[in-house]
Amino acid sequence: FEHLPRPAHPSDPSSVMALPTHCTSNRAVEATVPGPALAIEGGGLRALSVAAGLTAGLVKAATPGDEDPTLLDSGLYRKFASLASVSGGSWFAASLIYSPRFLSLVEDTAADPQHAATEWSRRWVDPWLAAVVSKDGLLVKTLAAMLNAMGDVGLAQDIELAGYLSQTGFTWTNFTMTMLETTAGIERSCTLGSPVQEWARGKAWLACHALAAPATEAQTPVYVYRHELPTTAVRMTIEGSPGLAQYVPATYSFELGSDRRCAAVPYVANSAIPGDARWVYHGTSIGGCLPWCCGRRYFAKSAAVGTFGSLISDACSLPVASCAAASSAFLGDLVFEQAATSLVDDVSGSVAVWQGCGLGQAAFSEAEGLVQGFTGPASVSQKTVDQLAASSVNAAVDAGFSDTTGIAYAVAAGSTEIVAYLDYNTPDHLAHLFRGSYTIDGVAFDENPLPVFDESASGIVSAYQAFPQLALTPDARFLTAICIGTLKANTVENALWGIKGGINVTLHIIGVSSTVTIGQLEDVYHYGALVQEVTETVASDENHDLVHGAVLPWFMS
């Protein structure tokens, strides 16, 4: 990649990155974003809450006591040239970038941390649950009421959400769109090129995800569709790929607030998917009065995969909700499971985000329409398999299948100084980026065959566990620790990520531990409480010296 000069002020429209305004393929985008990056780890609703709490707490800490705290005036994120977000971190990033309503909530949290939980319940949780319950039938409402009466609030909310999706569409894209629309006012028409909040102008958003891309030789393909009785299926692999990994890191990217059209960085590393690679589709269909004797097979190949033209040349028109959905599709690995695919297809659902070669919204809607068009054995034919190939349909899934932290995505985009918000209780996702096996709390983790950094993973674990910790707010119910520290690392040559070896990288880590889950069976009102606890801890007088002496310089210098 060609390293372009870092803008003197990423928030200044006159000094934005010098990217090409028109480009037609993944090969045509050779720009990187070499300035400092903010990486936001995945982790569902917990990741969103942790990032919101850290942002609010640090904005308050960076604002003089007699001023109203705002993200723009605090200058907290001014130095960052890019934001690399994963999964729930992408929900946070999308909301903070495109939603004045959400930004106001975060800034109000900074102004009045003691009432943050109440405000998050009223302004974030309540609108979401109200929208969900409004579509539920009597049976779902009754079951949810019974579970609430028994004290199982989290399960009751999950039942209500399942009921909503059964009425409106059992797809991960629909789930994400509903959440962003009700909690942040992000409409389904909002695209990467839509107006942004002023603090974000000129920065590159890297909406990280992964492509489910098994090589043709792989024993386990992606199941586009599968029906049990009679057995009917459509499978896909990729031909001409080096087969470095089952999941290939990929990035929707755009220079926020600009008038450009193309992506900020390549969609995938050129060394991970060659330009002449092709998606391969295999269909099997059974028909006739003796179906076991009348099997039919269909076969088709896409055009060259390596162009990814629509995701590069017209990145500005990609829907924000679809990009965030792909980044967070944590059940996407089920596309490799025959039985799971059959169950999902039985309810006309989708756990991955299907995309193709259309432009803008069509890149997702046309692909999803083709996949949803498989409704039974009779729908599998040479024509429908050819349609998949013509549209280059493929599955985008959670970025966590490649890198949960977002750090590798930021390094691949050109950053050598990264502040990372981590929300898992142990540093295993961080250590996975380094060489060698490691053990955490008695649990052994295998070596990453394709590490990003040269240092010992076990050494990174030891360093992380020795980081200083902030003193927790006395009333914390869910927050258990916040640690801070800096790591120095050197990259190794990595074809999967397109990273060159021998690059010195500085990692500033803020690790937040808590008792809440990423979302499953959790009372969603707990997340507002977590936001408050993180904000109060970061902004407390007791942590003033550590926050001002060690943490804020990562952001302000």
Protein backbone atom coordinates (compact mmCIF):
# COMPACT_ATOMS: atom_id res chain seq x y z
CA PHE A 1 0.00 0.00 0.00
CA GLU A 2 1.09 3.56 -0.62
CA HIS A 3 1.43 5.40 2.69
CA LEU A 4 -0.14 8.82 2.33
CA PRO A 5 0.77 11.75 4.61
CA ARG A 6 -1.24 11.88 7.82
CA PRO A 7 -3.55 14.92 7.89
CA ALA A 8 -2.52 17.59 10.35
CA HIS A 9 -6.03 17.64 11.80
CA PRO A 10 -8.37 14.77 10.90
CA SER A 11 -11.41 16.82 11.93
CA ASP A 12 -10.50 19.65 9.54
CA PRO A 13 -12.25 19.19 6.16
CA SER A 14 -9.39 21.01 4.44
CA SER A 15 -6.86 18.40 5.54
CA VAL A 16 -8.70 15.14 4.89
CA MET A 17 -6.93 12.11 3.49
CA ALA A 18 -5.83 12.41 -0.12
CA LEU A 19 -7.87 9.49 -1.42
CA PRO A 20 -8.90 8.91 -5.02
CA THR A 21 -12.43 10.10 -5.74
CA HIS A 22 -13.12 7.32 -8.23
CA CYS A 23 -11.96 3.73 -8.15
CA THR A 24 -13.32 0.58 -9.69
CA SER A 25 -11.83 -2.31 -7.77
CA ASN A 26 -10.14 -3.55 -4.65
CA ARG A 27 -6.82 -3.31 -6.52
CA ALA A 28 -7.43 0.37 -7.33
CA VAL A 29 -7.55 1.46 -3.68
CA GLU A 30 -3.95 1.69 -2.53
CA ALA A 31 -4.39 4.25 0.25
CA THR A 32 -3.82 3.57 3.93
CA VAL A 33 -4.76 5.54 7.02
CA PRO A 34 -1.41 5.77 8.80
CA GLY A 35 -2.47 8.08 11.66
CA PRO A 36 -3.46 6.94 15.17
CA ALA A 37 -6.49 4.68 15.40
CA LEU A 38 -9.16 3.90 17.97
CA ALA A 39 -10.00 0.17 18.03
CA ILE A 40 -13.29 -0.84 19.67
CA GLU A 41 -13.52 -4.53 20.57
CA GLY A 42 -16.63 -6.55 19.86
CA GLY A 43 -18.88 -7.97 22.53
CA GLY A 44 -22.49 -7.16 21.69
CA LEU A 45 -24.38 -4.78 23.96
CA ARG A 46 -21.59 -4.96 26.51
CA ALA A 47 -19.09 -3.59 23.96
CA LEU A 48 -21.45 -0.72 23.13
CA SER A 49 -21.94 0.07 26.83
CA VAL A 50 -18.24 -0.07 27.69
CA ALA A 51 -17.30 2.19 24.77
CA ALA A 52 -20.07 4.64 25.68
CA GLY A 53 -18.99 4.69 29.34
CA LEU A 54 -15.32 5.17 28.49
CA THR A 55 -16.15 7.94 26.03
CA ALA A 56 -18.37 9.77 28.51
CA GLY A 57 -15.93 9.35 31.40
CA LEU A 58 -12.94 10.54 29.39
CA VAL A 59 -14.88 13.48 27.92
CA LYS A 60 -15.78 14.56 31.45
CA ALA A 61 -12.18 14.11 32.60
CA ALA A 62 -10.88 16.16 29.66
CA THR A 63 -13.34 19.03 30.18
CA PRO A 64 -12.65 21.86 32.66
CA GLY A 65 -15.13 21.83 35.54
CA ASP A 66 -16.98 25.01 34.56
CA GLU A 67 -17.72 23.90 30.99
CA ASP A 68 -20.39 21.64 29.52
CA PRO A 69 -18.68 18.43 28.35
CA THR A 70 -18.97 17.75 24.62
CA LEU A 71 -17.01 15.26 22.54
CA LEU A 72 -16.00 17.86 19.96
CA ASP A 73 -14.88 20.55 22.41
CA SER A 74 -13.02 18.08 24.62
CA GLY A 75 -10.85 17.10 21.65
CA LEU A 76 -10.89 13.53 22.95
CA TYR A 77 -11.00 11.80 19.56
CA ARG A 78 -9.45 14.62 17.51
CA LYS A 79 -6.07 12.95 16.93
CA PHE A 80 -7.48 9.72 15.54
CA ALA A 81 -7.35 9.26 11.78
CA SER A 82 -9.52 6.12 11.90
CA LEU A 83 -11.91 4.08 14.01
CA ALA A 84 -11.76 0.29 13.66
CA SER A 85 -14.88 -1.24 15.16
CA VAL A 86 -15.92 -4.85 15.66
CA SER A 87 -19.38 -6.31 16.27
CA GLY A 88 -21.10 -4.44 19.12
CA GLY A 89 -18.32 -1.90 18.84
CA SER A 90 -19.69 -1.13 15.37
CA TRP A 91 -23.14 -0.49 16.86
CA PHE A 92 -21.48 2.08 19.10
CA ALA A 93 -19.41 3.60 16.30
CA ALA A 94 -22.36 3.87 13.92
CA SER A 95 -24.49 5.52 16.60
CA LEU A 96 -21.82 7.99 17.71
CA ILE A 97 -20.92 8.90 14.11
CA TYR A 98 -24.37 9.31 12.56
CA SER A 99 -26.80 9.98 15.41
CA PRO A 100 -27.10 13.38 17.13
CA ARG A 101 -29.52 11.71 19.53
CA PHE A 102 -26.99 9.13 20.63
CA LEU A 103 -24.16 11.67 20.85
CA SER A 104 -26.38 13.82 23.07
CA LEU A 105 -27.02 10.83 25.34
CA VAL A 106 -23.28 10.15 25.70
CA GLU A 107 -22.53 13.82 26.40
CA ASP A 108 -25.38 14.04 28.92
CA THR A 109 -23.87 10.99 30.61
CA ALA A 110 -20.59 12.90 30.88
CA ALA A 111 -22.38 15.93 32.33
CA ASP A 112 -24.36 13.95 34.92
CA PRO A 113 -22.92 10.45 35.49
CA GLN A 114 -24.99 9.84 38.62
CA HIS A 115 -28.21 9.67 36.58
CA ALA A 116 -26.78 7.89 33.55
CA ALA A 117 -28.50 4.54 34.19
CA THR A 118 -31.89 6.23 34.39
CA GLU A 119 -31.29 8.23 31.23
CA TRP A 120 -30.05 5.20 29.29
CA SER A 121 -33.15 3.27 30.35
CA ARG A 122 -35.46 6.08 29.28
CA ARG A 123 -33.71 7.15 26.08
CA TRP A 124 -32.07 3.96 24.80
CA VAL A 125 -33.64 0.81 26.25
CA ASP A 126 -37.29 1.85 26.51
CA PRO A 127 -37.71 2.91 22.83
CA TRP A 128 -36.18 -0.37 21.67
CA LEU A 129 -38.34 -2.58 23.88
CA ALA A 130 -41.46 -0.57 23.04
CA ALA A 131 -40.89 -1.14 19.32
CA VAL A 132 -40.31 -4.85 19.88
CA VAL A 133 -43.37 -5.42 22.08
CA SER A 134 -45.64 -3.50 19.71
CA LYS A 135 -45.34 -6.28 17.12
CA ASP A 136 -45.64 -9.25 19.50
CA GLY A 137 -48.75 -11.42 19.59
CA LEU A 138 -50.77 -12.37 22.64
CA LEU A 139 -48.94 -15.67 23.17
CA VAL A 140 -45.51 -14.02 23.22
CA LYS A 141 -46.70 -11.23 25.51
CA THR A 142 -48.26 -13.73 27.90
CA LEU A 143 -45.15 -15.91 28.03
CA ALA A 144 -42.96 -12.84 28.58
CA ALA A 145 -45.23 -11.65 31.38
CA MET A 146 -44.97 -15.05 33.09
CA LEU A 147 -41.16 -15.00 32.86
CA ASN A 148 -41.02 -11.46 34.20
CA ALA A 149 -43.21 -12.51 37.12
CA MET A 150 -40.75 -15.32 37.86
CA GLY A 151 -37.85 -12.86 37.80
CA ASP A 152 -36.34 -14.08 34.53
CA VAL A 153 -36.33 -10.66 32.91
CA GLY A 154 -33.52 -11.34 30.44
CA LEU A 155 -35.22 -14.43 29.02
CA ALA A 156 -38.53 -12.56 28.82
CA GLN A 157 -36.89 -9.84 26.74
CA ASP A 158 -35.27 -12.42 24.47
CA ILE A 159 -38.67 -14.07 23.94
CA GLU A 160 -40.18 -10.69 23.06
CA LEU A 161 -37.39 -10.03 20.58
CA ALA A 162 -37.83 -13.46 18.98
CA GLY A 163 -41.53 -12.76 18.63
CA TYR A 164 -40.82 -9.44 16.98
CA LEU A 165 -38.39 -11.00 14.50
CA SER A 166 -40.88 -13.76 13.68
CA GLN A 167 -43.32 -11.04 12.60
CA THR A 168 -40.92 -8.72 10.79
CA GLY A 169 -38.17 -10.97 9.45
CA PHE A 170 -35.90 -13.43 11.23
CA THR A 171 -32.66 -11.99 9.86
CA TRP A 172 -29.65 -10.48 11.60
CA THR A 173 -29.87 -7.43 9.35
CA ASN A 174 -33.43 -6.79 10.50
CA PHE A 175 -32.37 -7.12 14.15
CA THR A 176 -29.55 -4.60 13.70
CA MET A 177 -31.67 -2.17 11.68
CA THR A 178 -34.40 -2.20 14.33
CA MET A 179 -31.96 -1.60 17.17
CA LEU A 180 -30.15 1.28 15.44
CA GLU A 181 -33.40 2.87 14.32
CA THR A 182 -35.13 2.76 17.72
CA THR A 183 -32.13 3.53 19.95
CA ALA A 184 -30.28 6.06 17.81
CA GLY A 185 -32.72 7.21 15.13
CA ILE A 186 -30.52 5.86 12.34
CA GLU A 187 -32.89 5.30 9.45
CA ARG A 188 -32.53 2.44 7.03
CA SER A 189 -31.71 4.92 4.28
CA CYS A 190 -28.61 6.17 6.15
CA THR A 191 -25.43 5.38 4.22
CA LEU A 192 -21.70 5.66 4.89
CA GLY A 193 -21.76 8.93 2.95
CA SER A 194 -24.62 10.45 4.98
CA PRO A 195 -23.99 13.53 7.16
CA VAL A 196 -21.96 12.82 10.30
CA GLN A 197 -21.43 14.45 13.68
CA GLU A 198 -18.76 17.13 13.52
CA TRP A 199 -16.28 15.27 15.75
CA ALA A 200 -16.11 12.44 13.16
CA ARG A 201 -15.56 14.54 10.03
CA GLY A 202 -12.43 13.58 8.08
CA LYS A 203 -11.82 10.30 9.90
CA ALA A 204 -12.02 6.89 8.26
CA TRP A 205 -14.53 4.46 9.70
CA LEU A 206 -13.41 0.84 9.32
CA ALA A 207 -16.53 -1.30 9.79
CA CYS A 208 -14.71 -4.59 10.32
CA HIS A 209 -16.15 -7.99 9.42
CA ALA A 210 -15.08 -11.28 7.88
CA LEU A 211 -15.88 -13.20 4.70
CA ALA A 212 -16.85 -16.84 5.07
CA ALA A 213 -14.51 -18.08 2.35
CA PRO A 214 -13.61 -21.77 2.52
CA ALA A 215 -11.25 -22.90 -0.23
CA THR A 216 -12.60 -25.36 -2.77
CA GLU A 217 -10.54 -28.14 -1.21
CA ALA A 218 -12.14 -27.55 2.20
CA GLN A 219 -14.32 -30.31 3.57
CA THR A 220 -16.86 -27.83 4.98
CA PRO A 221 -18.45 -25.39 2.51
CA VAL A 222 -20.76 -22.47 3.22
CA TYR A 223 -24.38 -23.59 3.08
CA VAL A 224 -26.39 -20.98 1.24
CA TYR A 225 -29.50 -23.12 1.60
CA ARG A 226 -30.36 -26.57 2.93
CA HIS A 227 -33.59 -28.53 3.19
CA GLU A 228 -33.73 -31.79 5.12
CA LEU A 229 -36.48 -33.91 3.55
CA PRO A 230 -35.95 -34.39 0.71
CA THR A 231 -32.31 -33.40 1.01
CA THR A 232 -31.67 -30.30 -1.08
CA ALA A 233 -28.80 -27.87 -0.74
CA VAL A 234 -26.82 -25.04 -2.25
CA ARG A 235 -23.19 -24.83 -1.16
CA MET A 236 -20.42 -22.40 -1.97
CA THR A 237 -16.62 -22.27 -1.76
CA ILE A 238 -13.94 -20.08 -3.28
CA GLU A 239 -11.68 -21.27 -6.11
CA GLY A 240 -8.18 -19.89 -6.60
CA SER A 241 -7.77 -18.72 -3.03
CA PRO A 242 -4.63 -19.67 -1.08
CA GLY A 243 -6.93 -20.93 1.66
CA LEU A 244 -5.09 -19.12 4.44
CA ALA A 245 -8.15 -19.19 6.71
CA GLN A 246 -11.82 -20.11 6.69
CA TYR A 247 -12.62 -16.47 7.51
CA VAL A 248 -10.94 -13.66 5.57
CA PRO A 249 -10.73 -10.22 7.26
CA ALA A 250 -12.68 -7.57 5.35
CA THR A 251 -13.52 -3.91 5.88
CA TYR A 252 -16.24 -1.55 4.72
CA SER A 253 -14.52 1.83 4.89
CA PHE A 254 -15.21 5.44 4.13
CA GLU A 255 -13.79 8.89 4.87
CA LEU A 256 -16.57 10.33 7.01
CA GLY A 257 -18.27 13.54 5.95
CA SER A 258 -16.41 13.72 2.65
CA ASP A 259 -17.79 14.11 -0.88
CA ARG A 260 -15.82 11.12 -2.12
CA ARG A 261 -17.44 7.92 -3.31
CA CYS A 262 -14.82 5.21 -2.94
CA ALA A 263 -13.54 3.28 0.06
CA ALA A 264 -10.76 4.56 2.30
CA VAL A 265 -8.78 1.29 2.30
CA PRO A 266 -8.86 -2.01 0.35
CA TYR A 267 -11.80 -4.27 1.13
CA VAL A 268 -9.56 -7.32 1.67
CA ALA A 269 -5.82 -7.86 1.52
CA ASN A 270 -4.70 -8.56 -2.01
CA SER A 271 -2.62 -11.48 -0.72
CA ALA A 272 -5.63 -13.06 1.01
CA ILE A 273 -7.91 -13.32 -2.02
CA PRO A 274 -6.26 -13.12 -5.45
CA GLY A 275 -7.98 -11.08 -8.11
CA ASP A 276 -8.78 -14.10 -10.28
CA ALA A 277 -10.40 -16.13 -7.48
CA ARG A 278 -14.06 -17.04 -8.00
CA TRP A 279 -16.99 -18.08 -5.86
CA VAL A 280 -18.13 -21.59 -6.75
CA TYR A 281 -21.73 -22.73 -6.21
CA HIS A 282 -22.96 -26.32 -6.09
CA GLY A 283 -26.67 -27.14 -5.97
CA THR A 284 -28.30 -30.51 -5.41
CA SER A 285 -32.00 -31.06 -5.95
CA ILE A 286 -34.25 -34.09 -5.71
CA GLY A 287 -37.40 -34.64 -7.73
CA GLY A 288 -39.74 -37.27 -9.12
CA CYS A 289 -41.90 -39.87 -7.43
CA LEU A 290 -38.80 -41.75 -6.30
CA PRO A 291 -36.68 -38.78 -5.20
CA TRP A 292 -33.71 -40.85 -4.10
CA CYS A 293 -33.31 -42.01 -7.69
CA CYS A 294 -33.65 -38.60 -9.33
CA GLY A 295 -30.91 -36.43 -7.93
CA ARG A 296 -29.82 -33.44 -9.95
CA ARG A 297 -26.69 -31.35 -9.60
CA TYR A 298 -26.08 -27.77 -10.64
CA PHE A 299 -22.85 -25.84 -10.86
CA ALA A 300 -21.82 -22.21 -11.49
CA LYS A 301 -18.90 -19.84 -10.95
CA SER A 302 -18.93 -16.12 -10.31
CA ALA A 303 -16.83 -13.51 -12.04
CA ALA A 304 -13.47 -12.74 -10.45
CA VAL A 305 -13.92 -12.22 -6.72
CA GLY A 306 -10.95 -9.94 -6.22
CA THR A 307 -12.60 -6.81 -7.66
CA PHE A 308 -15.29 -6.28 -4.98
CA GLY A 309 -16.18 -3.33 -7.15
CA SER A 310 -19.45 -2.22 -5.54
CA LEU A 311 -17.94 -2.25 -2.05
CA ILE A 312 -15.04 -0.09 -3.22
CA SER A 313 -16.15 2.28 -5.98
CA ASP A 314 -19.48 3.24 -4.39
CA ALA A 315 -18.69 2.79 -0.70
CA CYS A 316 -20.46 6.06 0.13
CA SER A 317 -23.84 4.48 -0.69
CA LEU A 318 -23.46 1.36 1.46
CA PRO A 319 -26.16 1.25 4.17
CA VAL A 320 -24.84 1.89 7.68
CA ALA A 321 -27.18 -0.70 9.21
CA SER A 322 -26.08 -3.44 6.79
CA CYS A 323 -22.41 -2.70 7.46
CA ALA A 324 -23.01 -2.81 11.22
CA ALA A 325 -25.03 -6.00 10.84
CA ALA A 326 -22.22 -7.75 8.98
CA SER A 327 -19.70 -6.59 11.57
CA SER A 328 -21.82 -8.08 14.38
CA ALA A 329 -23.22 -11.29 12.83
CA PHE A 330 -21.90 -13.45 15.66
CA LEU A 331 -23.96 -16.49 14.66
CA GLY A 332 -22.53 -16.34 11.16
CA ASP A 333 -20.43 -19.44 11.68
CA LEU A 334 -23.66 -21.45 11.48
CA VAL A 335 -23.48 -21.13 7.68
CA PHE A 336 -20.92 -23.95 7.90
CA GLU A 337 -23.41 -26.21 9.73
CA GLN A 338 -25.87 -28.30 7.74
CA ALA A 339 -28.43 -28.83 10.49
CA ALA A 340 -28.31 -25.22 11.68
CA THR A 341 -28.78 -23.92 8.13
CA SER A 342 -31.83 -26.16 7.73
CA LEU A 343 -33.38 -24.82 10.93
CA VAL A 344 -32.72 -21.20 9.98
CA ASP A 345 -34.10 -21.75 6.47
CA ASP A 346 -37.25 -23.31 7.94
CA VAL A 347 -38.12 -19.92 9.48
CA SER A 348 -36.93 -17.96 6.41
CA GLY A 349 -34.12 -16.54 8.49
CA SER A 350 -30.51 -15.57 8.00
CA VAL A 351 -27.67 -15.44 10.54
CA ALA A 352 -25.12 -14.07 8.06
CA VAL A 353 -25.34 -10.89 6.00
CA TRP A 354 -25.47 -11.83 2.33
CA GLN A 355 -23.87 -9.42 -0.11
CA GLY A 356 -23.13 -9.31 -3.82
CA CYS A 357 -22.05 -7.08 -6.68
CA GLY A 358 -24.95 -4.63 -6.62
CA LEU A 359 -24.44 -0.96 -5.78
CA GLY A 360 -25.39 0.61 -2.47
CA GLN A 361 -28.38 -0.99 -0.78
CA ALA A 362 -28.65 -3.42 -3.71
CA ALA A 363 -25.31 -4.97 -2.72
CA PHE A 364 -27.18 -6.46 0.24
CA SER A 365 -30.86 -6.52 -0.72
CA GLU A 366 -30.37 -8.30 -4.04
CA ALA A 367 -28.12 -10.94 -2.50
CA GLU A 368 -30.45 -11.50 0.44
CA GLY A 369 -33.40 -11.73 -1.93
CA LEU A 370 -31.70 -14.46 -3.94
CA VAL A 371 -30.85 -16.45 -0.80
CA GLN A 372 -34.33 -15.96 0.66
CA GLY A 373 -35.72 -17.13 -2.67
CA PHE A 374 -34.73 -20.68 -1.82
CA THR A 375 -37.99 -21.82 -0.22
CA GLY A 376 -38.07 -25.52 -0.99
CA PRO A 377 -36.62 -28.29 -3.16
CA ALA A 378 -38.29 -26.96 -6.30
CA SER A 379 -36.54 -23.58 -5.91
CA VAL A 380 -33.09 -25.10 -6.43
CA SER A 381 -32.33 -25.17 -10.15
CA GLN A 382 -29.60 -24.30 -12.61
CA LYS A 383 -31.27 -20.92 -13.06
CA THR A 384 -31.21 -20.01 -9.35
CA VAL A 385 -27.64 -21.24 -8.94
CA ASP A 386 -26.64 -19.18 -11.99
CA GLN A 387 -28.28 -16.14 -10.40
CA LEU A 388 -26.10 -16.56 -7.30
CA ALA A 389 -23.01 -16.66 -9.49
CA ALA A 390 -24.09 -13.66 -11.56
CA SER A 391 -24.46 -11.61 -8.38
CA SER A 392 -21.33 -13.04 -6.71
CA VAL A 393 -23.35 -13.75 -3.56
CA ASN A 394 -21.23 -14.33 -0.46
CA ALA A 395 -21.59 -14.34 3.31
CA ALA A 396 -20.28 -11.55 5.56
CA VAL A 397 -20.04 -12.46 9.24
CA ASP A 398 -18.83 -11.08 12.56
CA ALA A 399 -15.34 -9.58 12.52
CA GLY A 400 -14.62 -11.50 15.70
CA PHE A 401 -14.04 -14.62 13.63
CA SER A 402 -10.87 -12.89 12.40
CA ASP A 403 -9.97 -10.46 15.21
CA THR A 404 -12.29 -9.49 18.06
CA THR A 405 -10.14 -6.56 19.21
CA GLY A 406 -10.08 -4.54 15.98
CA ILE A 407 -6.33 -4.04 16.45
CA ALA A 408 -5.25 -6.15 13.46
CA TYR A 409 -7.74 -4.30 11.25
CA ALA A 410 -6.24 -0.97 12.32
CA VAL A 411 -2.68 -2.19 11.69
CA ALA A 412 -3.67 -3.55 8.28
CA ALA A 413 -5.11 -0.11 7.45
CA GLY A 414 -1.76 1.51 8.23
CA SER A 415 -1.91 2.61 11.87
CA THR A 416 1.14 2.21 14.13
CA GLU A 417 -0.40 3.79 17.25
CA ILE A 418 -3.66 2.34 18.50
CA VAL A 419 -5.85 2.97 21.54
CA ALA A 420 -7.96 -0.15 22.13
CA TYR A 421 -11.16 -0.45 24.18
CA LEU A 422 -11.42 -4.07 25.34
CA ASP A 423 -14.48 -5.45 27.15
CA TYR A 424 -13.76 -9.14 27.74
CA ASN A 425 -12.70 -10.22 31.22
CA THR A 426 -9.50 -11.90 30.03
CA PRO A 427 -6.97 -10.83 27.38
CA ASP A 428 -7.22 -13.97 25.25
CA HIS A 429 -8.36 -12.09 22.12
CA LEU A 430 -5.44 -9.70 22.51
CA ALA A 431 -2.93 -12.50 23.14
CA HIS A 432 -4.23 -14.37 20.09
CA LEU A 433 -2.60 -11.73 17.88
CA PHE A 434 0.85 -12.73 19.17
CA ARG A 435 3.12 -15.75 18.74
CA GLY A 436 2.84 -19.00 20.68
CA SER A 437 0.35 -20.73 22.94
CA TYR A 438 -0.66 -19.25 26.28
CA THR A 439 -2.62 -19.99 29.43
CA ILE A 440 -5.13 -17.75 31.22
CA ASP A 441 -6.63 -18.74 34.57
CA GLY A 442 -5.67 -22.36 33.98
CA VAL A 443 -7.21 -22.48 30.49
CA ALA A 444 -4.77 -23.32 27.67
CA PHE A 445 -5.12 -21.55 24.31
CA ASP A 446 -3.58 -22.87 21.11
CA GLU A 447 -1.09 -20.90 19.08
CA ASN A 448 -2.42 -18.65 16.34
CA PRO A 449 -0.94 -20.09 13.09
CA LEU A 450 -1.05 -16.61 11.52
CA PRO A 451 -0.01 -14.14 14.24
CA VAL A 452 0.13 -10.41 13.61
CA PHE A 453 2.86 -9.61 16.14
CA ASP A 454 6.20 -11.23 16.89
CA GLU A 455 6.17 -11.03 20.69
CA SER A 456 5.25 -13.95 22.96
CA ALA A 457 1.53 -14.34 23.65
CA SER A 458 2.25 -15.62 27.16
CA GLY A 459 4.37 -12.52 27.79
CA ILE A 460 1.51 -10.30 26.66
CA VAL A 461 -0.84 -12.05 29.07
CA SER A 462 1.59 -11.46 31.94
CA ALA A 463 2.02 -7.81 30.98
CA TYR A 464 -1.74 -7.28 30.75
CA GLN A 465 -2.36 -8.88 34.13
CA ALA A 466 0.23 -6.52 35.64
CA PHE A 467 -1.44 -3.35 34.30
CA PRO A 468 -2.47 -0.81 36.96
CA GLN A 469 -6.19 -0.64 37.71
CA LEU A 470 -8.54 2.24 38.38
CA ALA A 471 -10.35 2.40 41.72
CA LEU A 472 -13.94 1.35 41.10
CA THR A 473 -16.91 3.49 42.00
CA PRO A 474 -18.17 2.29 45.42
CA ASP A 475 -21.65 1.37 44.17
CA ALA A 476 -20.53 -0.82 41.25
CA ARG A 477 -22.78 -3.86 40.76
CA PHE A 478 -21.57 -5.05 37.34
CA LEU A 479 -18.19 -3.42 36.75
CA THR A 480 -15.34 -5.49 38.23
CA ALA A 481 -12.15 -3.87 36.87
CA ILE A 482 -10.67 -1.28 34.53
CA CYS A 483 -6.99 -1.72 33.72
CA ILE A 484 -4.73 0.49 31.62
CA GLY A 485 -1.33 -0.02 30.05
CA THR A 486 0.87 0.28 26.98
CA LEU A 487 2.42 -2.52 24.92
CA LYS A 488 5.12 -2.28 22.27
CA ALA A 489 4.90 -4.77 19.42
CA ASN A 490 6.55 -5.63 16.11
CA THR A 491 4.59 -7.03 13.21
CA VAL A 492 5.35 -10.24 11.36
CA GLU A 493 4.68 -10.82 7.66
CA ASN A 494 1.04 -11.85 7.38
CA ALA A 495 -0.55 -12.56 3.99
CA LEU A 496 -4.03 -12.97 5.44
CA TRP A 497 -4.02 -9.39 6.70
CA GLY A 498 -1.67 -7.93 4.09
CA ILE A 499 0.64 -6.75 6.87
CA LYS A 500 4.39 -6.37 6.33
CA GLY A 501 6.86 -7.55 8.93
CA GLY A 502 9.11 -5.38 11.06
CA ILE A 503 6.68 -2.52 11.75
CA ASN A 504 6.81 -1.07 15.27
CA VAL A 505 3.34 -0.64 16.77
CA THR A 506 2.32 1.00 20.05
CA LEU A 507 -0.82 -0.38 21.70
CA HIS A 508 -2.53 1.63 24.45
CA ILE A 509 -4.99 -0.69 26.18
CA ILE A 510 -8.04 0.08 28.32
CA GLY A 511 -9.46 -3.24 29.50
CA VAL A 512 -12.88 -3.30 31.16
CA SER A 513 -14.15 -6.35 33.03
CA SER A 514 -17.74 -6.87 34.18
CA THR A 515 -20.31 -9.49 35.07
CA VAL A 516 -22.72 -8.74 32.21
CA THR A 517 -22.88 -10.90 29.09
CA ILE A 518 -22.66 -9.76 25.49
CA GLY A 519 -26.46 -9.87 25.38
CA GLN A 520 -27.86 -13.37 25.80
CA LEU A 521 -30.34 -13.82 28.67
CA GLU A 522 -29.28 -10.44 30.11
CA ASP A 523 -31.70 -7.81 31.34
CA VAL A 524 -30.97 -4.98 28.90
CA TYR A 525 -31.43 -2.43 31.67
CA HIS A 526 -28.17 -3.70 33.15
CA TYR A 527 -26.24 -2.09 30.30
CA GLY A 528 -27.28 1.41 31.31
CA ALA A 529 -26.04 0.66 34.81
CA LEU A 530 -22.72 -0.50 33.36
CA VAL A 531 -22.41 2.73 31.36
CA GLN A 532 -22.89 4.71 34.56
CA GLU A 533 -20.37 2.64 36.55
CA VAL A 534 -17.69 2.95 33.87
CA THR A 535 -18.28 6.71 33.51
CA GLU A 536 -18.19 7.33 37.26
CA THR A 537 -15.03 5.28 37.68
CA VAL A 538 -13.10 7.00 34.90
CA ALA A 539 -14.20 10.49 35.95
CA SER A 540 -13.78 10.04 39.73
CA ASP A 541 -11.46 12.26 41.76
CA GLU A 542 -9.77 9.16 43.13
CA ASN A 543 -8.56 8.24 39.62
CA HIS A 544 -7.69 11.79 38.57
CA ASP A 545 -3.92 11.38 38.66
CA LEU A 546 -3.88 8.07 36.77
CA VAL A 547 -6.40 9.18 34.14
CA HIS A 548 -4.80 12.60 33.56
CA GLY A 549 -1.23 11.37 33.87
CA ALA A 550 -1.41 8.13 31.89
CA VAL A 551 -4.65 7.81 29.88
CA LEU A 552 -5.56 11.23 28.49
CA PRO A 553 -2.09 11.73 26.95
CA TRP A 554 -2.89 8.76 24.67
CA PHE A 555 -5.75 10.81 23.26
CA MET A 556 -4.59 14.40 23.52
CA SER A 557 -0.91 14.34 22.57
